[in-house]
PDB file of N, CA and C in Angstrom:
ATOM      1  N   LEU A   1       6.723  31.128 -34.923  1.00  0.00           N
ATOM      2  CA  LEU A   1       6.644  32.007 -33.277  1.00  0.00           C
ATOM      3  C   LEU A   1       7.685  32.006 -33.273  1.00  0.00           C
ATOM      4  N   GLY A   2       8.601  32.104 -33.469  1.00  0.00           N
ATOM      5  CA  GLY A   2      10.975  31.663 -33.571  1.00  0.00           C
ATOM      6  C   GLY A   2      11.145  30.894 -32.058  1.00  0.00           C
ATOM      7  N   GLU A   3      12.293  29.855 -31.732  1.00  0.00           N
ATOM      8  CA  GLU A   3      13.320  30.131 -30.109  1.00  0.00           C
ATOM      9  C   GLU A   3      13.186  31.222 -29.812  1.00  0.00           C
ATOM     10  N   ASN A   4      12.935  30.808 -28.603  1.00  0.00           N
ATOM     11  CA  ASN A   4      14.301  32.453 -28.192  1.00  0.00           C
ATOM     12  C   ASN A   4      15.402  31.071 -27.279  1.00  0.00           C
ATOM     13  N   ARG A   5      16.340  31.140 -27.672  1.00  0.00           N
ATOM     14  CA  ARG A   5      17.691  30.707 -26.719  1.00  0.00           C
ATOM     15  C   ARG A   5      18.104  31.902 -25.739  1.00  0.00           C
ATOM     16  N   TRP A   6      18.329  31.308 -24.873  1.00  0.00           N
ATOM     17  CA  TRP A   6      19.740  32.121 -23.455  1.00  0.00           C
ATOM     18  C   TRP A   6      20.982  31.604 -23.437  1.00  0.00           C
ATOM     19  N   MET A   7      21.261  32.902 -22.695  1.00  0.00           N
ATOM     20  CA  MET A   7      22.584  31.937 -21.880  1.00  0.00           C
ATOM     21  C   MET A   7      22.459  31.973 -20.721  1.00  0.00           C
ATOM     22  N   THR A   8      23.014  30.471 -19.908  1.00  0.00           N
ATOM     23  CA  THR A   8      23.633  30.226 -18.773  1.00  0.00           C
ATOM     24  C   THR A   8      24.783  30.084 -18.206  1.00  0.00           C
ATOM     25  N   ARG A   9      25.259  30.120 -17.211  1.00  0.00           N
ATOM     26  CA  ARG A   9      26.611  30.120 -17.499  1.00  0.00           C
ATOM     27  C   ARG A   9      26.518  30.018 -15.265  1.00  0.00           C
ATOM     28  N   ILE A  10      27.184  28.759 -14.976  1.00  0.00           N
ATOM     29  CA  ILE A  10      27.851  28.519 -13.840  1.00  0.00           C
ATOM     30  C   ILE A  10      28.982  29.410 -13.178  1.00  0.00           C
ATOM     31  N   VAL A  11      29.112  30.629 -11.728  1.00  0.00           N
ATOM     32  CA  VAL A  11      30.045  30.937 -11.382  1.00  0.00           C
ATOM     33  C   VAL A  11      30.414  30.490 -10.858  1.00  0.00           C
ATOM     34  N   ASP A  12      29.525  30.249  -9.691  1.00  0.00           N
ATOM     35  CA  ASP A  12      30.444  29.617  -8.714  1.00  0.00           C
ATOM     36  C   ASP A  12      29.491  27.544  -8.290  1.00  0.00           C
ATOM     37  N   LEU A  13      29.853  26.633  -8.767  1.00  0.00           N
ATOM     38  CA  LEU A  13      29.916  25.818  -8.842  1.00  0.00           C
ATOM     39  C   LEU A  13      29.327  24.540  -7.705  1.00  0.00           C
ATOM     40  N   PRO A  14      29.960  24.936  -6.381  1.00  0.00           N
ATOM     41  CA  PRO A  14      28.864  24.455  -5.058  1.00  0.00           C
ATOM     42  C   PRO A  14      27.525  25.049  -4.650  1.00  0.00           C
ATOM     43  N   ALA A  15      27.874  26.579  -4.894  1.00  0.00           N
ATOM     44  CA  ALA A  15      26.215  27.649  -4.469  1.00  0.00           C
ATOM     45  C   ALA A  15      25.545  26.257  -5.497  1.00  0.00           C
ATOM     46  N   THR A  16      25.786  27.019  -6.798  1.00  0.00           N
ATOM     47  CA  THR A  16      24.911  26.261  -8.036  1.00  0.00           C
ATOM     48  C   THR A  16      24.188  24.638  -7.771  1.00  0.00           C
ATOM     49  N   VAL A  17      24.690  23.895  -7.269  1.00  0.00           N
ATOM     50  CA  VAL A  17      24.481  22.385  -6.909  1.00  0.00           C
ATOM     51  C   VAL A  17      23.643  22.063  -5.893  1.00  0.00           C
ATOM     52  N   ALA A  18      24.170  23.014  -4.382  1.00  0.00           N
ATOM     53  CA  ALA A  18      23.914  23.330  -3.884  1.00  0.00           C
ATOM     54  C   ALA A  18      22.133  23.877  -4.131  1.00  0.00           C
ATOM     55  N   GLY A  19      21.993  24.974  -5.251  1.00  0.00           N
ATOM     56  CA  GLY A  19      20.358  25.602  -4.798  1.00  0.00           C
ATOM     57  C   GLY A  19      20.227  25.198  -5.652  1.00  0.00           C
ATOM     58  N   ARG A  20      20.376  24.145  -6.646  1.00  0.00           N
ATOM     59  CA  ARG A  20      18.914  23.662  -7.480  1.00  0.00           C
ATOM     60  C   ARG A  20      18.706  22.821  -6.693  1.00  0.00           C
ATOM     61  N   GLY A  21      17.029  22.383  -7.964  1.00  0.00           N
ATOM     62  CA  GLY A  21      16.025  21.667  -7.291  1.00  0.00           C
ATOM     63  C   GLY A  21      16.603  19.516  -7.894  1.00  0.00           C
ATOM     64  N   TYR A  22      16.188  18.682  -7.048  1.00  0.00           N
ATOM     65  CA  TYR A  22      16.556  18.013  -8.147  1.00  0.00           C
ATOM     66  C   TYR A  22      15.529  16.783  -7.117  1.00  0.00           C
ATOM     67  N   LEU A  23      15.104  15.614  -8.071  1.00  0.00           N
ATOM     68  CA  LEU A  23      14.243  15.015  -8.498  1.00  0.00           C
ATOM     69  C   LEU A  23      14.572  14.586  -7.032  1.00  0.00           C
ATOM     70  N   THR A  24      13.305  13.965  -6.261  1.00  0.00           N
ATOM     71  CA  THR A  24      13.236  12.926  -5.408  1.00  0.00           C
ATOM     72  C   THR A  24      13.014  11.232  -5.775  1.00  0.00           C
ATOM     73  N   GLY A  25      13.037  10.514  -4.988  1.00  0.00           N
ATOM     74  CA  GLY A  25      12.646   8.891  -5.054  1.00  0.00           C
ATOM     75  C   GLY A  25      13.958   8.514  -5.961  1.00  0.00           C
ATOM     76  N   ARG A  26      15.078   9.165  -6.151  1.00  0.00           N
ATOM     77  CA  ARG A  26      15.805   8.367  -6.684  1.00  0.00           C
ATOM     78  C   ARG A  26      17.294   7.669  -6.561  1.00  0.00           C
ATOM     79  N   ALA A  27      17.421   6.846  -6.435  1.00  0.00           N
ATOM     80  CA  ALA A  27      19.227   6.189  -5.874  1.00  0.00           C
ATOM     81  C   ALA A  27      19.838   8.020  -5.449  1.00  0.00           C
ATOM     82  N   ASP A  28      20.568   7.698  -4.431  1.00  0.00           N
ATOM     83  CA  ASP A  28      21.614   8.482  -4.207  1.00  0.00           C
ATOM     84  C   ASP A  28      22.829   8.647  -5.484  1.00  0.00           C
ATOM     85  N   ALA A  29      23.282   9.256  -6.437  1.00  0.00           N
ATOM     86  CA  ALA A  29      24.471   9.388  -7.067  1.00  0.00           C
ATOM     87  C   ALA A  29      25.152   9.847  -6.831  1.00  0.00           C
ATOM     88  N   VAL A  30      26.597   9.930  -7.146  1.00  0.00           N
ATOM     89  CA  VAL A  30      28.130  10.416  -7.200  1.00  0.00           C
ATOM     90  C   VAL A  30      28.909  10.519  -8.134  1.00  0.00           C
ATOM     91  N   VAL A  31      28.329  11.342  -9.006  1.00  0.00           N
ATOM     92  CA  VAL A  31      30.072  11.926 -10.247  1.00  0.00           C
ATOM     93  C   VAL A  31      31.283  12.460  -9.308  1.00  0.00           C
ATOM     94  N   VAL A  32      32.905  12.136  -9.783  1.00  0.00           N
ATOM     95  CA  VAL A  32      34.005  12.480  -9.599  1.00  0.00           C
ATOM     96  C   VAL A  32      33.941  13.250 -11.763  1.00  0.00           C
ATOM     97  N   VAL A  33      33.628  14.743 -11.040  1.00  0.00           N
ATOM     98  CA  VAL A  33      33.679  15.353 -12.983  1.00  0.00           C
ATOM     99  C   VAL A  33      35.227  16.136 -11.898  1.00  0.00           C
ATOM    100  N   GLY A  34      35.420  16.104 -13.893  1.00  0.00           N
ATOM    101  CA  GLY A  34      36.734  16.825 -14.062  1.00  0.00           C
ATOM    102  C   GLY A  34      36.079  18.090 -14.919  1.00  0.00           C
ATOM    103  N   VAL A  35      35.679  19.848 -14.329  1.00  0.00           N
ATOM    104  CA  VAL A  35      35.607  20.687 -14.680  1.00  0.00           C
ATOM    105  C   VAL A  35      36.428  21.434 -15.241  1.00  0.00           C
ATOM    106  N   THR A  36      36.350  22.569 -16.249  1.00  0.00           N
ATOM    107  CA  THR A  36      37.677  23.033 -17.464  1.00  0.00           C
ATOM    108  C   THR A  36      36.561  24.459 -17.746  1.00  0.00           C
ATOM    109  N   ASP A  37      36.816  25.566 -16.754  1.00  0.00           N
ATOM    110  CA  ASP A  37      36.255  26.085 -16.764  1.00  0.00           C
ATOM    111  C   ASP A  37      37.346  27.852 -17.373  1.00  0.00           C
ATOM    112  N   PRO A  38      37.777  28.252 -19.319  1.00  0.00           N
ATOM    113  CA  PRO A  38      39.353  28.772 -19.497  1.00  0.00           C
ATOM    114  C   PRO A  38      38.789  30.312 -18.817  1.00  0.00           C
ATOM    115  N   TRP A  39      37.675  30.488 -18.354  1.00  0.00           N
ATOM    116  CA  TRP A  39      37.658  32.039 -18.487  1.00  0.00           C
ATOM    117  C   TRP A  39      37.122  32.724 -16.491  1.00  0.00           C
ATOM    118  N   LEU A  40      36.788  31.699 -15.937  1.00  0.00           N
ATOM    119  CA  LEU A  40      37.047  32.090 -14.561  1.00  0.00           C
ATOM    120  C   LEU A  40      37.747  30.541 -13.595  1.00  0.00           C
ATOM    121  N   GLY A  41      38.616  30.690 -12.940  1.00  0.00           N
ATOM    122  CA  GLY A  41      39.314  29.568 -12.270  1.00  0.00           C
ATOM    123  C   GLY A  41      38.253  29.188 -11.200  1.00  0.00           C
ATOM    124  N   GLY A  42      37.536  29.346 -10.003  1.00  0.00           N
ATOM    125  CA  GLY A  42      37.429  29.021  -9.849  1.00  0.00           C
ATOM    126  C   GLY A  42      36.805  27.483  -9.462  1.00  0.00           C
ATOM    127  N   SER A  43      35.583  27.623 -10.687  1.00  0.00           N
ATOM    128  CA  SER A  43      34.660  26.498 -10.749  1.00  0.00           C
ATOM    129  C   SER A  43      35.677  25.018 -11.953  1.00  0.00           C
ATOM    130  N   SER A  44      36.822  25.632 -12.102  1.00  0.00           N
ATOM    131  CA  SER A  44      37.917  24.369 -13.017  1.00  0.00           C
ATOM    132  C   SER A  44      38.622  24.066 -11.179  1.00  0.00           C
ATOM    133  N   GLY A  45      38.791  22.660 -12.111  1.00  0.00           N
ATOM    134  CA  GLY A  45      39.430  21.078 -11.179  1.00  0.00           C
ATOM    135  C   GLY A  45      38.484  20.346 -10.915  1.00  0.00           C
ATOM    136  N   THR A  46      38.269  19.642  -9.689  1.00  0.00           N
ATOM    137  CA  THR A  46      38.352  18.251  -9.706  1.00  0.00           C
ATOM    138  C   THR A  46      37.247  17.331  -8.262  1.00  0.00           C
ATOM    139  N   TRP A  47      35.485  17.584  -9.231  1.00  0.00           N
ATOM    140  CA  TRP A  47      34.704  18.041  -8.044  1.00  0.00           C
ATOM    141  C   TRP A  47      33.633  16.217  -7.925  1.00  0.00           C
ATOM    142  N   ARG A  48      33.553  16.292  -6.764  1.00  0.00           N
ATOM    143  CA  ARG A  48      32.473  14.802  -6.420  1.00  0.00           C
ATOM    144  C   ARG A  48      31.366  16.095  -6.561  1.00  0.00           C
ATOM    145  N   LEU A  49      30.657  15.679  -7.514  1.00  0.00           N
ATOM    146  CA  LEU A  49      29.092  16.378  -7.514  1.00  0.00           C
ATOM    147  C   LEU A  49      27.930  14.510  -6.783  1.00  0.00           C
ATOM    148  N   GLN A  50      27.042  15.175  -6.446  1.00  0.00           N
ATOM    149  CA  GLN A  50      26.165  14.715  -5.527  1.00  0.00           C
ATOM    150  C   GLN A  50      24.859  14.461  -5.571  1.00  0.00           C
ATOM    151  N   ALA A  51      23.623  13.794  -4.718  1.00  0.00           N
ATOM    152  CA  ALA A  51      22.568  14.177  -5.516  1.00  0.00           C
ATOM    153  C   ALA A  51      21.817  13.244  -5.236  1.00  0.00           C
ATOM    154  N   GLY A  52      20.452  13.191  -4.674  1.00  0.00           N
ATOM    155  CA  GLY A  52      20.168  12.414  -3.688  1.00  0.00           C
ATOM    156  C   GLY A  52      19.062  13.000  -2.648  1.00  0.00           C
ATOM    157  N   GLY A  53      17.500  12.263  -2.954  1.00  0.00           N
ATOM    158  CA  GLY A  53      16.637  13.292  -1.553  1.00  0.00           C
ATOM    159  C   GLY A  53      16.824  14.176  -2.285  1.00  0.00           C
ATOM    160  N   GLY A  54      17.019  14.884  -3.163  1.00  0.00           N
ATOM    161  CA  GLY A  54      16.236  16.067  -2.805  1.00  0.00           C
ATOM    162  C   GLY A  54      17.465  17.448  -3.466  1.00  0.00           C
ATOM    163  N   THR A  55      18.987  16.892  -2.508  1.00  0.00           N
ATOM    164  CA  THR A  55      19.326  17.811  -2.990  1.00  0.00           C
ATOM    165  C   THR A  55      20.442  17.382  -3.518  1.00  0.00           C
ATOM    166  N   GLY A  56      21.171  18.509  -3.877  1.00  0.00           N
ATOM    167  CA  GLY A  56      22.668  18.468  -4.415  1.00  0.00           C
ATOM    168  C   GLY A  56      24.293  18.722  -4.021  1.00  0.00           C
ATOM    169  N   HIS A  57      25.037  18.075  -3.694  1.00  0.00           N
ATOM    170  CA  HIS A  57      25.954  18.916  -2.867  1.00  0.00           C
ATOM    171  C   HIS A  57      27.914  18.827  -4.607  1.00  0.00           C
ATOM    172  N   ALA A  58      28.409  19.659  -4.586  1.00  0.00           N
ATOM    173  CA  ALA A  58      29.698  20.301  -4.874  1.00  0.00           C
ATOM    174  C   ALA A  58      30.960  19.798  -4.149  1.00  0.00           C
ATOM    175  N   GLU A  59      31.986  18.827  -4.215  1.00  0.00           N
ATOM    176  CA  GLU A  59      33.041  19.532  -3.595  1.00  0.00           C
ATOM    177  C   GLU A  59      34.134  18.917  -3.639  1.00  0.00           C
ATOM    178  N   PRO A  60      35.613  19.703  -4.174  1.00  0.00           N
ATOM    179  CA  PRO A  60      36.417  19.992  -4.640  1.00  0.00           C
ATOM    180  C   PRO A  60      37.175  18.341  -4.051  1.00  0.00           C
ATOM    181  N   THR A  61      37.954  17.503  -4.769  1.00  0.00           N
ATOM    182  CA  THR A  61      38.450  15.817  -4.548  1.00  0.00           C
ATOM    183  C   THR A  61      39.810  15.828  -5.110  1.00  0.00           C
ATOM    184  N   THR A  62      40.743  15.105  -4.700  1.00  0.00           N
ATOM    185  CA  THR A  62      41.530  14.469  -5.454  1.00  0.00           C
ATOM    186  C   THR A  62      41.999  13.288  -5.970  1.00  0.00           C
ATOM    187  N   ASP A  63      40.207  12.790  -5.609  1.00  0.00           N
ATOM    188  CA  ASP A  63      39.684  11.230  -6.898  1.00  0.00           C
ATOM    189  C   ASP A  63      40.425  11.969  -8.102  1.00  0.00           C
ATOM    190  N   ASP A  64      40.442  10.726  -9.017  1.00  0.00           N
ATOM    191  CA  ASP A  64      40.487  10.670 -10.134  1.00  0.00           C
ATOM    192  C   ASP A  64      38.842  10.396 -11.296  1.00  0.00           C
ATOM    193  N   PRO A  65      39.073  11.751 -12.433  1.00  0.00           N
ATOM    194  CA  PRO A  65      37.570  12.553 -12.618  1.00  0.00           C
ATOM    195  C   PRO A  65      37.406  10.476 -13.039  1.00  0.00           C
ATOM    196  N   THR A  66      36.312  10.633 -14.044  1.00  0.00           N
ATOM    197  CA  THR A  66      35.679   9.935 -14.269  1.00  0.00           C
ATOM    198  C   THR A  66      35.029   9.884 -15.963  1.00  0.00           C
ATOM    199  N   VAL A  67      34.882  11.611 -15.439  1.00  0.00           N
ATOM    200  CA  VAL A  67      34.185  12.151 -17.427  1.00  0.00           C
ATOM    201  C   VAL A  67      34.246  13.791 -16.913  1.00  0.00           C
ATOM    202  N   HIS A  68      34.931  13.943 -17.652  1.00  0.00           N
ATOM    203  CA  HIS A  68      35.138  15.533 -19.156  1.00  0.00           C
ATOM    204  C   HIS A  68      34.364  16.497 -18.735  1.00  0.00           C
ATOM    205  N   VAL A  69      34.206  17.665 -18.884  1.00  0.00           N
ATOM    206  CA  VAL A  69      32.983  18.406 -19.014  1.00  0.00           C
ATOM    207  C   VAL A  69      33.519  19.707 -19.001  1.00  0.00           C
ATOM    208  N   ASP A  70      33.170  21.393 -20.395  1.00  0.00           N
ATOM    209  CA  ASP A  70      33.739  21.344 -19.729  1.00  0.00           C
ATOM    210  C   ASP A  70      32.160  23.346 -19.307  1.00  0.00           C
ATOM    211  N   ILE A  71      32.074  23.545 -18.492  1.00  0.00           N
ATOM    212  CA  ILE A  71      31.588  24.941 -17.673  1.00  0.00           C
ATOM    213  C   ILE A  71      30.026  25.047 -18.857  1.00  0.00           C
ATOM    214  N   GLY A  72      30.263  25.486 -20.210  1.00  0.00           N
ATOM    215  CA  GLY A  72      29.306  25.879 -20.826  1.00  0.00           C
ATOM    216  C   GLY A  72      28.161  23.924 -21.080  1.00  0.00           C
ATOM    217  N   ALA A  73      28.618  23.319 -21.256  1.00  0.00           N
ATOM    218  CA  ALA A  73      28.479  22.117 -21.763  1.00  0.00           C
ATOM    219  C   ALA A  73      28.125  21.977 -19.943  1.00  0.00           C
ATOM    220  N   LEU A  74      28.365  21.919 -18.756  1.00  0.00           N
ATOM    221  CA  LEU A  74      27.589  21.551 -17.520  1.00  0.00           C
ATOM    222  C   LEU A  74      26.967  22.671 -17.231  1.00  0.00           C
ATOM    223  N   SER A  75      26.692  23.818 -17.658  1.00  0.00           N
ATOM    224  CA  SER A  75      25.145  24.892 -17.336  1.00  0.00           C
ATOM    225  C   SER A  75      24.494  24.164 -17.730  1.00  0.00           C
ATOM    226  N   ALA A  76      24.552  24.066 -19.277  1.00  0.00           N
ATOM    227  CA  ALA A  76      23.555  23.734 -20.410  1.00  0.00           C
ATOM    228  C   ALA A  76      22.870  22.201 -20.075  1.00  0.00           C
ATOM    229  N   LEU A  77      23.189  21.356 -18.758  1.00  0.00           N
ATOM    230  CA  LEU A  77      23.419  19.882 -19.340  1.00  0.00           C
ATOM    231  C   LEU A  77      21.895  20.322 -17.477  1.00  0.00           C
ATOM    232  N   MET A  78      22.788  21.316 -16.238  1.00  0.00           N
ATOM    233  CA  MET A  78      22.017  21.396 -15.890  1.00  0.00           C
ATOM    234  C   MET A  78      21.285  21.807 -15.323  1.00  0.00           C
ATOM    235  N   ILE A  79      20.712  22.866 -16.333  1.00  0.00           N
ATOM    236  CA  ILE A  79      18.859  23.490 -17.218  1.00  0.00           C
ATOM    237  C   ILE A  79      18.373  22.654 -17.343  1.00  0.00           C
ATOM    238  N   GLY A  80      19.230  21.750 -18.229  1.00  0.00           N
ATOM    239  CA  GLY A  80      17.839  20.632 -19.110  1.00  0.00           C
ATOM    240  C   GLY A  80      18.245  21.115 -20.144  1.00  0.00           C
ATOM    241  N   ARG A  81      19.236  21.837 -20.999  1.00  0.00           N
ATOM    242  CA  ARG A  81      18.809  22.782 -22.129  1.00  0.00           C
ATOM    243  C   ARG A  81      19.408  21.602 -23.115  1.00  0.00           C
ATOM    244  N   PHE A  82      20.492  20.443 -22.187  1.00  0.00           N
ATOM    245  CA  PHE A  82      20.954  19.498 -23.540  1.00  0.00           C
ATOM    246  C   PHE A  82      21.002  18.248 -22.222  1.00  0.00           C
ATOM    247  N   THR A  83      20.901  16.738 -22.597  1.00  0.00           N
ATOM    248  CA  THR A  83      21.344  15.493 -22.032  1.00  0.00           C
ATOM    249  C   THR A  83      22.146  15.632 -22.149  1.00  0.00           C
ATOM    250  N   ALA A  84      23.012  14.586 -21.307  1.00  0.00           N
ATOM    251  CA  ALA A  84      23.722  14.059 -21.832  1.00  0.00           C
ATOM    252  C   ALA A  84      24.123  14.184 -22.783  1.00  0.00           C
ATOM    253  N   GLU A  85      23.285  12.846 -23.804  1.00  0.00           N
ATOM    254  CA  GLU A  85      23.625  12.009 -24.606  1.00  0.00           C
ATOM    255  C   GLU A  85      23.706  12.970 -25.260  1.00  0.00           C
ATOM    256  N   GLN A  86      23.212  13.996 -25.050  1.00  0.00           N
ATOM    257  CA  GLN A  86      23.727  15.172 -27.374  1.00  0.00           C
ATOM    258  C   GLN A  86      25.002  15.834 -26.618  1.00  0.00           C
ATOM    259  N   LEU A  87      25.287  16.427 -25.071  1.00  0.00           N
ATOM    260  CA  LEU A  87      26.407  16.706 -24.710  1.00  0.00           C
ATOM    261  C   LEU A  87      27.734  15.465 -25.582  1.00  0.00           C
ATOM    262  N   VAL A  88      27.518  14.413 -25.148  1.00  0.00           N
ATOM    263  CA  VAL A  88      28.535  12.756 -25.610  1.00  0.00           C
ATOM    264  C   VAL A  88      28.572  13.289 -26.774  1.00  0.00           C
ATOM    265  N   GLY A  89      27.124  13.095 -27.293  1.00  0.00           N
ATOM    266  CA  GLY A  89      27.901  13.091 -29.476  1.00  0.00           C
ATOM    267  C   GLY A  89      28.394  14.744 -29.401  1.00  0.00           C
ATOM    268  N   ALA A  90      28.742  15.595 -29.400  1.00  0.00           N
ATOM    269  CA  ALA A  90      28.621  16.393 -29.163  1.00  0.00           C
ATOM    270  C   ALA A  90      30.593  16.322 -28.885  1.00  0.00           C
ATOM    271  N   GLY A  91      30.772  15.762 -28.446  1.00  0.00           N
ATOM    272  CA  GLY A  91      32.402  15.791 -27.342  1.00  0.00           C
ATOM    273  C   GLY A  91      32.122  16.934 -26.274  1.00  0.00           C
ATOM    274  N   ARG A  92      31.709  16.875 -25.932  1.00  0.00           N
ATOM    275  CA  ARG A  92      31.426  18.388 -24.923  1.00  0.00           C
ATOM    276  C   ARG A  92      31.210  17.491 -23.789  1.00  0.00           C
ATOM    277  N   LEU A  93      30.799  16.405 -23.153  1.00  0.00           N
ATOM    278  CA  LEU A  93      31.443  15.847 -22.104  1.00  0.00           C
ATOM    279  C   LEU A  93      31.506  14.083 -22.416  1.00  0.00           C
ATOM    280  N   GLN A  94      33.350  13.907 -22.230  1.00  0.00           N
ATOM    281  CA  GLN A  94      33.780  12.927 -22.161  1.00  0.00           C
ATOM    282  C   GLN A  94      33.566  12.010 -20.886  1.00  0.00           C
ATOM    283  N   GLY A  95      34.297  10.808 -20.930  1.00  0.00           N
ATOM    284  CA  GLY A  95      35.102  10.203 -20.007  1.00  0.00           C
ATOM    285  C   GLY A  95      34.219   8.361 -20.079  1.00  0.00           C
ATOM    286  N   ASP A  96      34.493   7.604 -19.195  1.00  0.00           N
ATOM    287  CA  ASP A  96      33.133   6.926 -18.598  1.00  0.00           C
ATOM    288  C   ASP A  96      31.501   7.165 -19.391  1.00  0.00           C
ATOM    289  N   ARG A  97      31.047   6.366 -20.303  1.00  0.00           N
ATOM    290  CA  ARG A  97      29.664   6.294 -20.481  1.00  0.00           C
ATOM    291  C   ARG A  97      28.979   6.319 -19.523  1.00  0.00           C
ATOM    292  N   HIS A  98      28.873   5.633 -18.642  1.00  0.00           N
ATOM    293  CA  HIS A  98      28.405   5.213 -17.199  1.00  0.00           C
ATOM    294  C   HIS A  98      27.945   6.184 -16.579  1.00  0.00           C
ATOM    295  N   ASP A  99      29.115   7.329 -15.710  1.00  0.00           N
ATOM    296  CA  ASP A  99      29.448   8.048 -15.478  1.00  0.00           C
ATOM    297  C   ASP A  99      28.430   9.332 -16.035  1.00  0.00           C
ATOM    298  N   ALA A 100      28.665   9.348 -17.340  1.00  0.00           N
ATOM    299  CA  ALA A 100      27.696  10.683 -17.941  1.00  0.00           C
ATOM    300  C   ALA A 100      26.627  10.515 -18.064  1.00  0.00           C
ATOM    301  N   LEU A 101      26.113   9.437 -18.072  1.00  0.00           N
ATOM    302  CA  LEU A 101      24.855   8.970 -18.122  1.00  0.00           C
ATOM    303  C   LEU A 101      24.510   9.048 -16.789  1.00  0.00           C
ATOM    304  N   ARG A 102      24.807   8.498 -15.987  1.00  0.00           N
ATOM    305  CA  ARG A 102      24.160   8.911 -15.299  1.00  0.00           C
ATOM    306  C   ARG A 102      25.000  10.249 -13.899  1.00  0.00           C
ATOM    307  N   LEU A 103      25.596  11.091 -14.341  1.00  0.00           N
ATOM    308  CA  LEU A 103      25.929  12.748 -14.538  1.00  0.00           C
ATOM    309  C   LEU A 103      24.778  13.408 -15.179  1.00  0.00           C
ATOM    310  N   GLY A 104      23.662  13.386 -16.127  1.00  0.00           N
ATOM    311  CA  GLY A 104      22.409  13.097 -16.745  1.00  0.00           C
ATOM    312  C   GLY A 104      21.121  13.351 -16.056  1.00  0.00           C
ATOM    313  N   GLU A 105      21.767  12.227 -15.212  1.00  0.00           N
ATOM    314  CA  GLU A 105      20.082  11.148 -14.467  1.00  0.00           C
ATOM    315  C   GLU A 105      20.300  12.400 -13.081  1.00  0.00           C
ATOM    316  N   MET A 106      21.116  12.940 -12.895  1.00  0.00           N
ATOM    317  CA  MET A 106      21.057  13.200 -11.764  1.00  0.00           C
ATOM    318  C   MET A 106      21.000  15.360 -11.642  1.00  0.00           C
ATOM    319  N   PHE A 107      20.331  15.434 -13.932  1.00  0.00           N
ATOM    320  CA  PHE A 107      20.614  16.805 -13.411  1.00  0.00           C
ATOM    321  C   PHE A 107      19.513  16.839 -14.121  1.00  0.00           C
ATOM    322  N   ALA A 108      18.370  15.627 -14.617  1.00  0.00           N
ATOM    323  CA  ALA A 108      17.316  15.512 -14.920  1.00  0.00           C
ATOM    324  C   ALA A 108      16.638  16.622 -14.651  1.00  0.00           C
ATOM    325  N   ALA A 109      15.481  17.052 -16.397  1.00  0.00           N
ATOM    326  CA  ALA A 109      15.065  18.613 -15.569  1.00  0.00           C
ATOM    327  C   ALA A 109      14.902  18.582 -17.338  1.00  0.00           C
ATOM    328  N   PRO A 110      13.370  18.752 -17.092  1.00  0.00           N
ATOM    329  CA  PRO A 110      12.260  19.697 -18.348  1.00  0.00           C
ATOM    330  C   PRO A 110      13.053  20.911 -19.352  1.00  0.00           C
ATOM    331  N   LEU A 111      12.879  20.080 -20.611  1.00  0.00           N
ATOM    332  CA  LEU A 111      13.589  21.866 -21.357  1.00  0.00           C
ATOM    333  C   LEU A 111      13.258  22.987 -20.765  1.00  0.00           C
ATOM    334  N   PRO A 112      14.446  23.913 -20.388  1.00  0.00           N
ATOM    335  CA  PRO A 112      13.594  25.512 -20.136  1.00  0.00           C
ATOM    336  C   PRO A 112      13.026  26.036 -21.193  1.00  0.00           C
ATOM    337  N   ILE A 113      11.733  26.990 -20.915  1.00  0.00           N
ATOM    338  CA  ILE A 113      11.338  28.012 -21.471  1.00  0.00           C
ATOM    339  C   ILE A 113      11.267  28.952 -20.836  1.00  0.00           C
ATOM    340  N   LEU A 114      10.981  29.793 -21.531  1.00  0.00           N
ATOM    341  CA  LEU A 114      11.397  31.556 -21.055  1.00  0.00           C
ATOM    342  C   LEU A 114       9.952  32.022 -22.224  1.00  0.00           C
ATOM    343  N   ALA A 115       8.660  32.297 -21.745  1.00  0.00           N
ATOM    344  CA  ALA A 115       7.279  33.008 -21.702  1.00  0.00           C
ATOM    345  C   ALA A 115       7.465  33.491 -22.513  1.00  0.00           C
ATOM    346  N   ASP A 116       8.007  35.029 -21.680  1.00  0.00           N
ATOM    347  CA  ASP A 116       7.926  36.720 -22.456  1.00  0.00           C
ATOM    348  C   ASP A 116       9.777  36.821 -22.341  1.00  0.00           C
ATOM    349  N   ASP A 117       9.558  37.735 -23.373  1.00  0.00           N
ATOM    350  CA  ASP A 117      10.548  37.948 -23.770  1.00  0.00           C
ATOM    351  C   ASP A 117      10.700  39.334 -24.001  1.00  0.00           C
ATOM    352  N   PHE A 118      12.296  39.707 -23.054  1.00  0.00           N
ATOM    353  CA  PHE A 118      11.840  41.103 -22.834  1.00  0.00           C
ATOM    354  C   PHE A 118      12.901  42.116 -23.902  1.00  0.00           C
TER     355      PHE A 118
END
């Protein structure tokens, strides 16, 4: 049985962060992230990403980002396809290593699978 991969892409960062589920029982985490999106500029910019109590929020900020990521890598991180460590190793998540790992903890999820093939 071969591996079936699919693509995902964030098109509305605040709605995606707010609509996603988060692990409960963890301390609140906040990371200021610089996001680049070369095709749909709406997600490009600096965002304060926050998760805690089972909810998440993204709001634009003028604070200096501590980590930088492209929208494709952030999409993969948010669905659990790649870990923060893997993205750092690939050069797709850059900046403060502590905050990069914190971002990975915020979006921790099991590896996504799809049982059906269409």
